[in-house]
Amino acid sequence: MAAGITAPKRRATKAQQEWNAGMRGMPEPGRSVEVPGSCTTPRCGAEADTLDESDPALSGWTRAGVYGSREPDRVWCSGLCAAYGVALAELRLTATARRKADAARKREAADA
């Protein structure tokens, strides 16, 4: 249907009622979520060793790092930001660390 044209109201079918309470059409926009990597929280993504971990302002934050990565451990304001940071650190694994991780996975699969 073309933009700006509204369809006549129709009743939802029994299947639609069972599946999604009869909702029809386009979904309503969800809540606004900060895109990882563009977080505006001060110090989010900062190198962990440059911060004082006893600082009460960091309470509840996540410290995360990946062994063998060129990226240092960092602190993140939320789990979403931490997951983004860990993914980036995994992408920056050194070649040697990547080979060791692949070999370990193969050993585990052979042992199973």
Protein backbone atom coordinates (compact mmCIF):
# COMPACT_ATOMS: atom_id res chain seq x y z
CA MET A 1 0.00 0.00 0.00
CA ALA A 2 1.31 3.45 -0.87
CA ALA A 3 2.51 5.79 1.84
CA GLY A 4 -0.17 8.10 3.17
CA ILE A 5 -3.07 5.84 2.24
CA THR A 6 -4.96 4.26 5.09
CA ALA A 7 -6.66 0.93 4.70
CA PRO A 8 -10.15 0.36 6.02
CA LYS A 9 -10.25 -1.17 9.50
CA ARG A 10 -10.70 -4.94 9.45
CA ARG A 11 -11.14 -7.38 12.29
CA ALA A 12 -8.18 -9.57 13.12
CA THR A 13 -8.48 -13.22 12.21
CA LYS A 14 -8.57 -15.88 14.90
CA ALA A 15 -4.94 -16.81 14.08
CA GLN A 16 -3.86 -13.17 14.44
CA GLN A 17 -5.68 -12.93 17.77
CA GLU A 18 -3.86 -16.03 19.05
CA TRP A 19 -0.46 -14.98 17.74
CA ASN A 20 -0.25 -11.31 18.69
CA ALA A 21 -3.51 -10.30 20.32
CA GLY A 22 -4.81 -9.14 16.94
CA MET A 23 -2.35 -6.31 16.42
CA ARG A 24 -2.07 -5.28 12.81
CA GLY A 25 0.02 -2.90 10.74
CA MET A 26 3.43 -1.46 11.48
CA PRO A 27 4.85 -1.78 15.00
CA GLU A 28 5.26 1.30 17.14
CA PRO A 29 8.82 2.54 17.61
CA GLY A 30 10.55 1.13 20.68
CA ARG A 31 12.48 3.01 23.32
CA SER A 32 15.55 4.95 22.32
CA VAL A 33 18.73 2.93 22.88
CA GLU A 34 22.23 4.41 22.73
CA VAL A 35 24.20 2.82 19.93
CA PRO A 36 27.27 1.02 21.30
CA GLY A 37 30.43 2.78 20.30
CA SER A 38 28.80 6.18 20.50
CA CYS A 39 27.96 6.10 24.21
CA THR A 40 28.07 9.57 25.71
CA THR A 41 28.67 8.44 29.31
CA PRO A 42 31.93 9.99 30.53
CA ARG A 43 34.74 7.44 30.99
CA CYS A 44 32.80 4.60 29.29
CA GLY A 45 35.41 2.59 27.37
CA ALA A 46 38.36 4.10 29.22
CA GLU A 47 41.41 1.94 29.86
CA ALA A 48 40.85 0.21 33.18
CA ASP A 49 44.37 0.76 34.48
CA THR A 50 44.02 4.54 34.17
CA LEU A 51 41.06 4.68 36.60
CA ASP A 52 40.85 4.34 40.37
CA GLU A 53 38.69 1.25 40.92
CA SER A 54 37.78 2.44 44.43
CA ASP A 55 35.95 5.43 42.88
CA PRO A 56 32.29 5.09 43.96
CA ALA A 57 31.18 6.59 40.64
CA LEU A 58 32.37 3.37 38.94
CA SER A 59 30.23 1.15 41.17
CA GLY A 60 28.22 -1.21 38.96
CA TRP A 61 30.42 -0.70 35.92
CA THR A 62 31.93 -3.65 34.06
CA ARG A 63 35.64 -4.24 33.58
CA ALA A 64 36.28 -6.45 30.58
CA GLY A 65 39.16 -7.63 28.47
CA VAL A 66 40.12 -10.49 26.21
CA TYR A 67 43.32 -12.48 26.80
CA GLY A 68 45.63 -12.22 23.81
CA SER A 69 44.02 -9.07 22.46
CA ARG A 70 45.94 -5.96 21.50
CA GLU A 71 43.19 -4.00 23.30
CA PRO A 72 43.78 -3.33 27.01
CA ASP A 73 41.15 -4.08 29.66
CA ARG A 74 38.52 -1.35 29.68
CA VAL A 75 35.62 -0.26 31.90
CA TRP A 76 32.09 0.01 30.55
CA CYS A 77 29.00 1.77 31.92
CA SER A 78 26.58 -1.01 30.96
CA GLY A 79 26.43 -4.60 29.79
CA LEU A 80 25.55 -3.45 26.28
CA CYS A 81 28.65 -1.27 26.05
CA ALA A 82 30.77 -4.05 27.59
CA ALA A 83 29.52 -6.58 25.03
CA TYR A 84 30.45 -4.15 22.25
CA GLY A 85 33.90 -3.64 23.77
CA VAL A 86 34.55 -7.36 24.20
CA ALA A 87 33.55 -7.96 20.58
CA LEU A 88 36.04 -5.32 19.44
CA ALA A 89 38.76 -6.82 21.64
CA GLU A 90 38.07 -10.26 20.15
CA LEU A 91 38.48 -8.83 16.66
CA ARG A 92 41.85 -7.46 17.72
CA LEU A 93 43.30 -10.76 18.89
CA THR A 94 46.90 -11.24 17.92
CA ALA A 95 47.55 -13.92 15.32
CA THR A 96 49.31 -16.13 17.88
CA ALA A 97 46.42 -15.85 20.35
CA ARG A 98 43.92 -16.65 17.59
CA ARG A 99 45.84 -19.80 16.60
CA LYS A 100 46.02 -20.92 20.24
CA ALA A 101 42.28 -20.34 20.73
CA ASP A 102 41.46 -22.29 17.55
CA ALA A 103 43.71 -25.17 18.65
CA ALA A 104 42.08 -25.25 22.10
CA ARG A 105 38.59 -25.38 20.56
CA LYS A 106 39.65 -28.27 18.32
CA ARG A 107 41.07 -30.17 21.33
CA GLU A 108 37.87 -29.64 23.29
CA ALA A 109 35.77 -30.86 20.35
CA ALA A 110 37.96 -33.98 19.98
CA ASP A 111 37.66 -34.73 23.72
CA ALA A 112 33.87 -34.44 23.70
